[in-house]
Amino acid sequence: VFFDLDGTLTNPKPGITRSIQYALERLSLAVPDEDELTWCIGPPLHASLKKLTGTDALADRALLLYRERFGDVGLFENEAYA
């Protein structure tokens, strides 16, 4: 039996958006509010990060920083839907 948690049974928004914010902050870039980053949930993350950072090189760095936080904290910030 398989369960599709992300977006079906649980809300991944806090972990994903906060990890994006973390990456942008570490790169000294503008950090949008969580609600302004919901468009990043679903599409390929690198493509979203490229739109936010402006270049492939910065998106690569942002992805590493995203994973740094998401792997330790963001992964556990999923909330069950009511």
PDB file of N, CA and C in Angstrom:
ATOM      1  N   VAL A   1       0.838  -1.162   0.000  1.00  0.00           N
ATOM      2  CA  VAL A   1       0.000   0.000   0.000  1.00  0.00           C
ATOM      3  C   VAL A   1       0.891   1.236   0.000  1.00  0.00           C
ATOM      4  N   PHE A   2       0.578   2.181  -0.878  1.00  0.00           N
ATOM      5  CA  PHE A   2       1.307   3.434  -0.971  1.00  0.00           C
ATOM      6  C   PHE A   2       0.352   4.586  -0.670  1.00  0.00           C
ATOM      7  N   PHE A   3       0.873   5.588   0.008  1.00  0.00           N
ATOM      8  CA  PHE A   3       0.101   6.788   0.292  1.00  0.00           C
ATOM      9  C   PHE A   3       0.814   7.989  -0.312  1.00  0.00           C
ATOM     10  N   ASP A   4       0.050   8.851  -0.964  1.00  0.00           N
ATOM     11  CA  ASP A   4       0.589  10.097  -1.499  1.00  0.00           C
ATOM     12  C   ASP A   4       0.369  11.162  -0.432  1.00  0.00           C
ATOM     13  N   LEU A   5       1.396  11.431   0.353  1.00  0.00           N
ATOM     14  CA  LEU A   5       1.253  12.377   1.448  1.00  0.00           C
ATOM     15  C   LEU A   5       1.243  13.824   0.991  1.00  0.00           C
ATOM     16  N   ASP A   6       2.293  14.239   0.309  1.00  0.00           N
ATOM     17  CA  ASP A   6       2.453  15.648  -0.067  1.00  0.00           C
ATOM     18  C   ASP A   6       1.306  16.150  -0.920  1.00  0.00           C
ATOM     19  N   GLY A   7       0.551  17.071  -0.376  1.00  0.00           N
ATOM     20  CA  GLY A   7      -0.521  17.695  -1.125  1.00  0.00           C
ATOM     21  C   GLY A   7      -1.818  16.914  -1.150  1.00  0.00           C
ATOM     22  N   THR A   8      -1.794  15.671  -0.684  1.00  0.00           N
ATOM     23  CA  THR A   8      -2.998  14.857  -0.659  1.00  0.00           C
ATOM     24  C   THR A   8      -3.475  14.664   0.779  1.00  0.00           C
ATOM     25  N   LEU A   9      -2.623  14.102   1.605  1.00  0.00           N
ATOM     26  CA  LEU A   9      -2.960  13.889   3.015  1.00  0.00           C
ATOM     27  C   LEU A   9      -2.307  14.917   3.934  1.00  0.00           C
ATOM     28  N   THR A  10      -1.201  15.480   3.478  1.00  0.00           N
ATOM     29  CA  THR A  10      -0.510  16.489   4.280  1.00  0.00           C
ATOM     30  C   THR A  10      -0.218  17.727   3.440  1.00  0.00           C
ATOM     31  N   ASN A  11      -0.080  18.842   4.132  1.00  0.00           N
ATOM     32  CA  ASN A  11       0.222  20.119   3.499  1.00  0.00           C
ATOM     33  C   ASN A  11       1.728  20.354   3.581  1.00  0.00           C
ATOM     34  N   PRO A  12       2.430  20.324   2.453  1.00  0.00           N
ATOM     35  CA  PRO A  12       3.879  20.491   2.468  1.00  0.00           C
ATOM     36  C   PRO A  12       4.344  21.950   2.481  1.00  0.00           C
ATOM     37  N   LYS A  13       3.396  22.898   2.409  1.00  0.00           N
ATOM     38  CA  LYS A  13       3.740  24.313   2.253  1.00  0.00           C
ATOM     39  C   LYS A  13       4.743  24.827   3.278  1.00  0.00           C
ATOM     40  N   PRO A  14       4.545  24.615   4.581  1.00  0.00           N
ATOM     41  CA  PRO A  14       5.493  25.200   5.539  1.00  0.00           C
ATOM     42  C   PRO A  14       6.936  24.749   5.311  1.00  0.00           C
ATOM     43  N   GLY A  15       7.147  23.477   5.147  1.00  0.00           N
ATOM     44  CA  GLY A  15       8.507  22.965   4.970  1.00  0.00           C
ATOM     45  C   GLY A  15       9.162  23.434   3.685  1.00  0.00           C
ATOM     46  N   ILE A  16       8.402  23.461   2.617  1.00  0.00           N
ATOM     47  CA  ILE A  16       8.945  23.868   1.320  1.00  0.00           C
ATOM     48  C   ILE A  16       9.217  25.369   1.293  1.00  0.00           C
ATOM     49  N   THR A  17       8.230  26.169   1.664  1.00  0.00           N
ATOM     50  CA  THR A  17       8.400  27.615   1.566  1.00  0.00           C
ATOM     51  C   THR A  17       9.442  28.138   2.551  1.00  0.00           C
ATOM     52  N   ARG A  18       9.478  27.592   3.748  1.00  0.00           N
ATOM     53  CA  ARG A  18      10.477  28.037   4.724  1.00  0.00           C
ATOM     54  C   ARG A  18      11.889  27.633   4.298  1.00  0.00           C
ATOM     55  N   SER A  19      12.006  26.511   3.626  1.00  0.00           N
ATOM     56  CA  SER A  19      13.326  26.090   3.136  1.00  0.00           C
ATOM     57  C   SER A  19      13.775  26.964   1.973  1.00  0.00           C
ATOM     58  N   ILE A  20      12.840  27.393   1.144  1.00  0.00           N
ATOM     59  CA  ILE A  20      13.176  28.334   0.071  1.00  0.00           C
ATOM     60  C   ILE A  20      13.600  29.666   0.688  1.00  0.00           C
ATOM     61  N   GLN A  21      12.855  30.133   1.676  1.00  0.00           N
ATOM     62  CA  GLN A  21      13.212  31.377   2.355  1.00  0.00           C
ATOM     63  C   GLN A  21      14.617  31.285   2.954  1.00  0.00           C
ATOM     64  N   TYR A  22      14.921  30.172   3.567  1.00  0.00           N
ATOM     65  CA  TYR A  22      16.243  29.946   4.160  1.00  0.00           C
ATOM     66  C   TYR A  22      17.330  30.082   3.101  1.00  0.00           C
ATOM     67  N   ALA A  23      17.112  29.427   1.961  1.00  0.00           N
ATOM     68  CA  ALA A  23      18.110  29.466   0.884  1.00  0.00           C
ATOM     69  C   ALA A  23      18.311  30.888   0.368  1.00  0.00           C
ATOM     70  N   LEU A  24      17.221  31.597   0.145  1.00  0.00           N
ATOM     71  CA  LEU A  24      17.323  32.961  -0.363  1.00  0.00           C
ATOM     72  C   LEU A  24      18.010  33.877   0.637  1.00  0.00           C
ATOM     73  N   GLU A  25      17.673  33.710   1.897  1.00  0.00           N
ATOM     74  CA  GLU A  25      18.305  34.530   2.934  1.00  0.00           C
ATOM     75  C   GLU A  25      19.803  34.274   3.009  1.00  0.00           C
ATOM     76  N   ARG A  26      20.192  33.005   2.938  1.00  0.00           N
ATOM     77  CA  ARG A  26      21.613  32.662   2.982  1.00  0.00           C
ATOM     78  C   ARG A  26      22.371  33.223   1.789  1.00  0.00           C
ATOM     79  N   LEU A  27      21.685  33.443   0.684  1.00  0.00           N
ATOM     80  CA  LEU A  27      22.305  34.024  -0.511  1.00  0.00           C
ATOM     81  C   LEU A  27      22.173  35.548  -0.538  1.00  0.00           C
ATOM     82  N   SER A  28      21.647  36.112   0.540  1.00  0.00           N
ATOM     83  CA  SER A  28      21.445  37.562   0.662  1.00  0.00           C
ATOM     84  C   SER A  28      20.555  38.123  -0.443  1.00  0.00           C
ATOM     85  N   LEU A  29      19.519  37.356  -0.793  1.00  0.00           N
ATOM     86  CA  LEU A  29      18.548  37.778  -1.791  1.00  0.00           C
ATOM     87  C   LEU A  29      17.236  38.156  -1.108  1.00  0.00           C
ATOM     88  N   ALA A  30      16.352  38.814  -1.835  1.00  0.00           N
ATOM     89  CA  ALA A  30      15.038  39.164  -1.307  1.00  0.00           C
ATOM     90  C   ALA A  30      14.299  37.892  -0.900  1.00  0.00           C
ATOM     91  N   VAL A  31      13.630  37.959   0.241  1.00  0.00           N
ATOM     92  CA  VAL A  31      12.923  36.788   0.776  1.00  0.00           C
ATOM     93  C   VAL A  31      11.422  37.081   0.808  1.00  0.00           C
ATOM     94  N   PRO A  32      10.667  36.512  -0.131  1.00  0.00           N
ATOM     95  CA  PRO A  32       9.214  36.699  -0.137  1.00  0.00           C
ATOM     96  C   PRO A  32       8.553  35.991   1.056  1.00  0.00           C
ATOM     97  N   ASP A  33       7.338  36.418   1.386  1.00  0.00           N
ATOM     98  CA  ASP A  33       6.548  35.749   2.411  1.00  0.00           C
ATOM     99  C   ASP A  33       6.194  34.336   1.948  1.00  0.00           C
ATOM    100  N   GLU A  34       5.843  33.487   2.918  1.00  0.00           N
ATOM    101  CA  GLU A  34       5.475  32.104   2.584  1.00  0.00           C
ATOM    102  C   GLU A  34       4.363  32.053   1.542  1.00  0.00           C
ATOM    103  N   ASP A  35       3.342  32.890   1.711  1.00  0.00           N
ATOM    104  CA  ASP A  35       2.208  32.867   0.771  1.00  0.00           C
ATOM    105  C   ASP A  35       2.608  33.264  -0.640  1.00  0.00           C
ATOM    106  N   GLU A  36       3.653  34.058  -0.769  1.00  0.00           N
ATOM    107  CA  GLU A  36       4.127  34.471  -2.089  1.00  0.00           C
ATOM    108  C   GLU A  36       4.954  33.380  -2.768  1.00  0.00           C
ATOM    109  N   LEU A  37       5.242  32.291  -2.051  1.00  0.00           N
ATOM    110  CA  LEU A  37       6.059  31.211  -2.604  1.00  0.00           C
ATOM    111  C   LEU A  37       5.261  29.946  -2.909  1.00  0.00           C
ATOM    112  N   THR A  38       3.949  29.984  -2.738  1.00  0.00           N
ATOM    113  CA  THR A  38       3.159  28.767  -2.974  1.00  0.00           C
ATOM    114  C   THR A  38       3.242  28.301  -4.426  1.00  0.00           C
ATOM    115  N   TRP A  39       3.520  29.217  -5.344  1.00  0.00           N
ATOM    116  CA  TRP A  39       3.644  28.827  -6.758  1.00  0.00           C
ATOM    117  C   TRP A  39       4.844  27.898  -6.975  1.00  0.00           C
ATOM    118  N   CYS A  40       5.756  27.845  -6.017  1.00  0.00           N
ATOM    119  CA  CYS A  40       6.945  26.986  -6.131  1.00  0.00           C
ATOM    120  C   CYS A  40       6.640  25.525  -5.809  1.00  0.00           C
ATOM    121  N   ILE A  41       5.477  25.266  -5.228  1.00  0.00           N
ATOM    122  CA  ILE A  41       5.117  23.896  -4.841  1.00  0.00           C
ATOM    123  C   ILE A  41       4.522  23.206  -6.064  1.00  0.00           C
ATOM    124  N   GLY A  42       5.171  22.163  -6.507  1.00  0.00           N
ATOM    125  CA  GLY A  42       4.683  21.409  -7.663  1.00  0.00           C
ATOM    126  C   GLY A  42       5.663  21.401  -8.822  1.00  0.00           C
ATOM    127  N   PRO A  43       5.989  22.584  -9.376  1.00  0.00           N
ATOM    128  CA  PRO A  43       6.941  22.593 -10.499  1.00  0.00           C
ATOM    129  C   PRO A  43       8.336  22.145 -10.043  1.00  0.00           C
ATOM    130  N   PRO A  44       9.204  21.814 -10.983  1.00  0.00           N
ATOM    131  CA  PRO A  44      10.577  21.455 -10.617  1.00  0.00           C
ATOM    132  C   PRO A  44      11.211  22.572  -9.787  1.00  0.00           C
ATOM    133  N   LEU A  45      11.795  22.211  -8.659  1.00  0.00           N
ATOM    134  CA  LEU A  45      12.322  23.188  -7.719  1.00  0.00           C
ATOM    135  C   LEU A  45      13.423  24.048  -8.327  1.00  0.00           C
ATOM    136  N   HIS A  46      14.299  23.444  -9.111  1.00  0.00           N
ATOM    137  CA  HIS A  46      15.388  24.224  -9.703  1.00  0.00           C
ATOM    138  C   HIS A  46      14.842  25.334 -10.598  1.00  0.00           C
ATOM    139  N   ALA A  47      13.812  25.032 -11.352  1.00  0.00           N
ATOM    140  CA  ALA A  47      13.211  26.046 -12.223  1.00  0.00           C
ATOM    141  C   ALA A  47      12.617  27.191 -11.401  1.00  0.00           C
ATOM    142  N   SER A  48      11.963  26.853 -10.301  1.00  0.00           N
ATOM    143  CA  SER A  48      11.404  27.894  -9.429  1.00  0.00           C
ATOM    144  C   SER A  48      12.510  28.728  -8.800  1.00  0.00           C
ATOM    145  N   LEU A  49      13.562  28.066  -8.364  1.00  0.00           N
ATOM    146  CA  LEU A  49      14.675  28.785  -7.753  1.00  0.00           C
ATOM    147  C   LEU A  49      15.384  29.678  -8.768  1.00  0.00           C
ATOM    148  N   LYS A  50      15.423  29.248 -10.020  1.00  0.00           N
ATOM    149  CA  LYS A  50      16.033  30.081 -11.060  1.00  0.00           C
ATOM    150  C   LYS A  50      15.214  31.359 -11.263  1.00  0.00           C
ATOM    151  N   LYS A  51      13.891  31.240 -11.227  1.00  0.00           N
ATOM    152  CA  LYS A  51      13.049  32.431 -11.352  1.00  0.00           C
ATOM    153  C   LYS A  51      13.282  33.381 -10.174  1.00  0.00           C
ATOM    154  N   LEU A  52      13.525  32.809  -9.001  1.00  0.00           N
ATOM    155  CA  LEU A  52      13.720  33.632  -7.805  1.00  0.00           C
ATOM    156  C   LEU A  52      15.120  34.239  -7.718  1.00  0.00           C
ATOM    157  N   THR A  53      16.107  33.517  -8.244  1.00  0.00           N
ATOM    158  CA  THR A  53      17.498  33.970  -8.099  1.00  0.00           C
ATOM    159  C   THR A  53      18.035  34.650  -9.350  1.00  0.00           C
ATOM    160  N   GLY A  54      17.516  34.281 -10.512  1.00  0.00           N
ATOM    161  CA  GLY A  54      17.919  34.921 -11.755  1.00  0.00           C
ATOM    162  C   GLY A  54      18.926  34.170 -12.598  1.00  0.00           C
ATOM    163  N   THR A  55      19.688  33.249 -12.012  1.00  0.00           N
ATOM    164  CA  THR A  55      20.677  32.511 -12.807  1.00  0.00           C
ATOM    165  C   THR A  55      20.705  31.039 -12.416  1.00  0.00           C
ATOM    166  N   ASP A  56      21.219  30.229 -13.335  1.00  0.00           N
ATOM    167  CA  ASP A  56      21.379  28.801 -13.031  1.00  0.00           C
ATOM    168  C   ASP A  56      22.370  28.585 -11.893  1.00  0.00           C
ATOM    169  N   ALA A  57      23.447  29.361 -11.880  1.00  0.00           N
ATOM    170  CA  ALA A  57      24.469  29.196 -10.842  1.00  0.00           C
ATOM    171  C   ALA A  57      23.899  29.489  -9.456  1.00  0.00           C
ATOM    172  N   LEU A  58      23.137  30.569  -9.338  1.00  0.00           N
ATOM    173  CA  LEU A  58      22.521  30.879  -8.035  1.00  0.00           C
ATOM    174  C   LEU A  58      21.444  29.870  -7.682  1.00  0.00           C
ATOM    175  N   ALA A  59      20.720  29.396  -8.676  1.00  0.00           N
ATOM    176  CA  ALA A  59      19.702  28.374  -8.422  1.00  0.00           C
ATOM    177  C   ALA A  59      20.355  27.086  -7.924  1.00  0.00           C
ATOM    178  N   ASP A  60      21.505  26.737  -8.472  1.00  0.00           N
ATOM    179  CA  ASP A  60      22.243  25.550  -8.006  1.00  0.00           C
ATOM    180  C   ASP A  60      22.623  25.704  -6.537  1.00  0.00           C
ATOM    181  N   ARG A  61      23.137  26.867  -6.178  1.00  0.00           N
ATOM    182  CA  ARG A  61      23.532  27.133  -4.792  1.00  0.00           C
ATOM    183  C   ARG A  61      22.306  27.140  -3.881  1.00  0.00           C
ATOM    184  N   ALA A  62      21.224  27.752  -4.358  1.00  0.00           N
ATOM    185  CA  ALA A  62      19.987  27.805  -3.573  1.00  0.00           C
ATOM    186  C   ALA A  62      19.427  26.404  -3.338  1.00  0.00           C
ATOM    187  N   LEU A  63      19.522  25.545  -4.331  1.00  0.00           N
ATOM    188  CA  LEU A  63      19.033  24.184  -4.190  1.00  0.00           C
ATOM    189  C   LEU A  63      19.804  23.433  -3.109  1.00  0.00           C
ATOM    190  N   LEU A  64      21.106  23.611  -3.068  1.00  0.00           N
ATOM    191  CA  LEU A  64      21.909  22.971  -2.014  1.00  0.00           C
ATOM    192  C   LEU A  64      21.510  23.488  -0.638  1.00  0.00           C
ATOM    193  N   LEU A  65      21.308  24.787  -0.527  1.00  0.00           N
ATOM    194  CA  LEU A  65      20.892  25.365   0.750  1.00  0.00           C
ATOM    195  C   LEU A  65      19.488  24.919   1.134  1.00  0.00           C
ATOM    196  N   TYR A  66      18.601  24.856   0.165  1.00  0.00           N
ATOM    197  CA  TYR A  66      17.244  24.355   0.388  1.00  0.00           C
ATOM    198  C   TYR A  66      17.301  22.944   0.984  1.00  0.00           C
ATOM    199  N   ARG A  67      18.068  22.091   0.341  1.00  0.00           N
ATOM    200  CA  ARG A  67      18.170  20.701   0.799  1.00  0.00           C
ATOM    201  C   ARG A  67      18.793  20.602   2.184  1.00  0.00           C
ATOM    202  N   GLU A  68      19.727  21.508   2.472  1.00  0.00           N
ATOM    203  CA  GLU A  68      20.365  21.539   3.791  1.00  0.00           C
ATOM    204  C   GLU A  68      19.303  21.718   4.887  1.00  0.00           C
ATOM    205  N   ARG A  69      18.416  22.671   4.696  1.00  0.00           N
ATOM    206  CA  ARG A  69      17.379  22.907   5.701  1.00  0.00           C
ATOM    207  C   ARG A  69      16.259  21.883   5.618  1.00  0.00           C
ATOM    208  N   PHE A  70      15.808  21.582   4.399  1.00  0.00           N
ATOM    209  CA  PHE A  70      14.670  20.685   4.246  1.00  0.00           C
ATOM    210  C   PHE A  70      14.969  19.305   4.828  1.00  0.00           C
ATOM    211  N   GLY A  71      16.195  18.817   4.632  1.00  0.00           N
ATOM    212  CA  GLY A  71      16.557  17.496   5.118  1.00  0.00           C
ATOM    213  C   GLY A  71      16.593  17.384   6.632  1.00  0.00           C
ATOM    214  N   ASP A  72      16.851  18.505   7.305  1.00  0.00           N
ATOM    215  CA  ASP A  72      16.931  18.493   8.765  1.00  0.00           C
ATOM    216  C   ASP A  72      15.650  18.964   9.442  1.00  0.00           C
ATOM    217  N   VAL A  73      14.964  19.928   8.824  1.00  0.00           N
ATOM    218  CA  VAL A  73      13.827  20.573   9.483  1.00  0.00           C
ATOM    219  C   VAL A  73      12.558  20.516   8.635  1.00  0.00           C
ATOM    220  N   GLY A  74      12.659  21.000   7.403  1.00  0.00           N
ATOM    221  CA  GLY A  74      11.483  21.157   6.548  1.00  0.00           C
ATOM    222  C   GLY A  74      10.705  19.884   6.308  1.00  0.00           C
ATOM    223  N   LEU A  75      11.400  18.792   6.250  1.00  0.00           N
ATOM    224  CA  LEU A  75      10.765  17.497   6.034  1.00  0.00           C
ATOM    225  C   LEU A  75       9.720  17.199   7.103  1.00  0.00           C
ATOM    226  N   PHE A  76       9.935  17.717   8.289  1.00  0.00           N
ATOM    227  CA  PHE A  76       9.054  17.431   9.418  1.00  0.00           C
ATOM    228  C   PHE A  76       8.028  18.531   9.668  1.00  0.00           C
ATOM    229  N   GLU A  77       7.948  19.506   8.774  1.00  0.00           N
ATOM    230  CA  GLU A  77       6.995  20.596   8.932  1.00  0.00           C
ATOM    231  C   GLU A  77       5.701  20.370   8.171  1.00  0.00           C
ATOM    232  N   ASN A  78       5.501  19.191   7.611  1.00  0.00           N
ATOM    233  CA  ASN A  78       4.243  18.869   6.973  1.00  0.00           C
ATOM    234  C   ASN A  78       3.141  18.857   8.028  1.00  0.00           C
ATOM    235  N   GLU A  79       1.979  19.356   7.630  1.00  0.00           N
ATOM    236  CA  GLU A  79       0.818  19.371   8.514  1.00  0.00           C
ATOM    237  C   GLU A  79      -0.278  18.532   7.875  1.00  0.00           C
ATOM    238  N   ALA A  80      -0.923  17.709   8.692  1.00  0.00           N
ATOM    239  CA  ALA A  80      -2.035  16.905   8.178  1.00  0.00           C
ATOM    240  C   ALA A  80      -3.218  17.812   7.876  1.00  0.00           C
ATOM    241  N   TYR A  81      -3.877  17.554   6.748  1.00  0.00           N
ATOM    242  CA  TYR A  81      -5.107  18.285   6.444  1.00  0.00           C
ATOM    243  C   TYR A  81      -6.195  17.835   7.396  1.00  0.00           C
ATOM    244  N   ALA A  82      -7.095  18.753   7.719  1.00  0.00           N
ATOM    245  CA  ALA A  82      -8.205  18.428   8.629  1.00  0.00           C
ATOM    246  C   ALA A  82      -9.113  17.363   8.014  1.00  0.00           C
TER     247      ALA A  82
END
